Amino acid sequence: MGSSICVSYFTSNPRFASGCPNNCLHVDPYLPEWLPELTLRRVEVGKASVDLRFWRDGESTKWDAAVQEGDVEVKQQTWQPWSVE
């Protein structure tokens, strides 16, 4: 599988939400069965960068984050769809 497929999957999958002014990245990861593990290096959040690792554990997806530069907090938060009123 090419890396462009993974990039397309994650850029189209709305499970990352960045709160750059708050130096916070919210994740709600889900990896499909065909992608048991994924590492993203130097993901930029404002002026900070973080390495993110995701892996499948049975039916759930686990994750770990390592800040590489700057000040950023990574939290798991259930994704909520945007609403337009």
Protein backbone atom coordinates (compact mmCIF):
# COMPACT_ATOMS: atom_id res chain seq x y z
CA MET A 1 0.00 0.00 0.00
CA GLY A 2 1.40 3.42 -0.89
CA SER A 3 1.87 6.17 1.65
CA SER A 4 -0.47 8.44 -0.33
CA ILE A 5 -3.36 6.12 0.56
CA CYS A 6 -2.62 6.56 4.28
CA VAL A 7 -2.28 10.32 3.93
CA SER A 8 -5.56 10.50 2.00
CA TYR A 9 -7.27 8.34 4.61
CA PHE A 10 -6.13 10.50 7.51
CA THR A 11 -6.71 13.84 5.84
CA SER A 12 -10.25 12.77 4.95
CA ASN A 13 -10.94 11.12 8.31
CA PRO A 14 -12.21 13.82 10.69
CA ARG A 15 -10.75 12.35 13.85
CA PHE A 16 -8.10 15.00 14.50
CA ALA A 17 -9.03 18.40 15.85
CA SER A 18 -6.40 20.99 16.57
CA GLY A 19 -6.81 23.81 19.03
CA CYS A 20 -3.66 25.66 18.02
CA PRO A 21 -4.28 28.77 20.15
CA ASN A 22 -4.61 26.42 23.16
CA ASN A 23 -1.61 24.25 22.16
CA CYS A 24 -3.84 21.19 22.16
CA LEU A 25 -4.43 18.34 19.72
CA HIS A 26 -7.49 16.13 20.20
CA VAL A 27 -7.43 12.62 18.74
CA ASP A 28 -10.16 10.01 18.39
CA PRO A 29 -8.28 7.31 16.51
CA TYR A 30 -9.72 4.42 14.58
CA LEU A 31 -7.56 2.14 12.46
CA PRO A 32 -9.28 -0.28 10.08
CA GLU A 33 -8.30 -3.95 10.13
CA TRP A 34 -6.13 -3.53 7.02
CA LEU A 35 -3.97 -0.91 8.80
CA PRO A 36 -2.80 -2.44 12.11
CA GLU A 37 -0.24 0.27 12.95
CA LEU A 38 0.60 3.82 11.87
CA THR A 39 3.22 6.36 12.96
CA LEU A 40 3.02 10.04 12.01
CA ARG A 41 6.20 12.02 12.64
CA ARG A 42 6.53 15.73 13.38
CA VAL A 43 2.83 16.60 13.10
CA GLU A 44 2.71 20.39 13.45
CA VAL A 45 0.31 21.93 15.94
CA GLY A 46 0.83 25.68 15.97
CA LYS A 47 4.56 26.17 16.60
CA ALA A 48 4.97 22.72 18.20
CA SER A 49 5.45 19.29 16.67
CA VAL A 50 4.58 15.84 17.94
CA ASP A 51 5.11 12.23 16.85
CA LEU A 52 1.91 10.16 16.97
CA ARG A 53 1.78 6.36 17.03
CA PHE A 54 -1.46 4.40 16.60
CA TRP A 55 -1.98 0.64 16.76
CA ARG A 56 -4.86 -1.81 16.83
CA ASP A 57 -5.46 -3.81 20.01
CA GLY A 58 -8.27 -6.22 19.28
CA GLU A 59 -11.22 -4.11 18.17
CA SER A 60 -9.90 -0.85 19.63
CA THR A 61 -7.20 1.58 18.54
CA LYS A 62 -4.55 2.67 21.05
CA TRP A 63 -2.24 5.66 20.69
CA ASP A 64 0.84 7.34 22.08
CA ALA A 65 2.27 10.83 21.56
CA ALA A 66 5.79 12.18 21.98
CA VAL A 67 6.29 15.95 21.81
CA GLN A 68 9.32 16.71 19.66
CA GLU A 69 9.36 20.49 19.85
CA GLY A 70 7.44 23.26 21.58
CA ASP A 71 4.51 23.01 23.95
CA VAL A 72 1.51 20.90 22.95
CA GLU A 73 -0.94 18.70 24.82
CA VAL A 74 -2.48 15.66 23.12
CA LYS A 75 -5.79 14.37 24.49
CA GLN A 76 -8.29 11.75 23.42
CA GLN A 77 -11.72 13.22 22.86
CA THR A 78 -14.68 11.71 21.06
CA TRP A 79 -15.16 13.38 17.71
CA GLN A 80 -18.31 15.49 17.45
CA PRO A 81 -19.62 16.40 13.99
CA TRP A 82 -19.90 20.08 13.25
CA SER A 83 -23.39 21.48 13.25
CA VAL A 84 -24.68 24.42 11.25
CA GLU A 85 -27.69 26.15 12.66
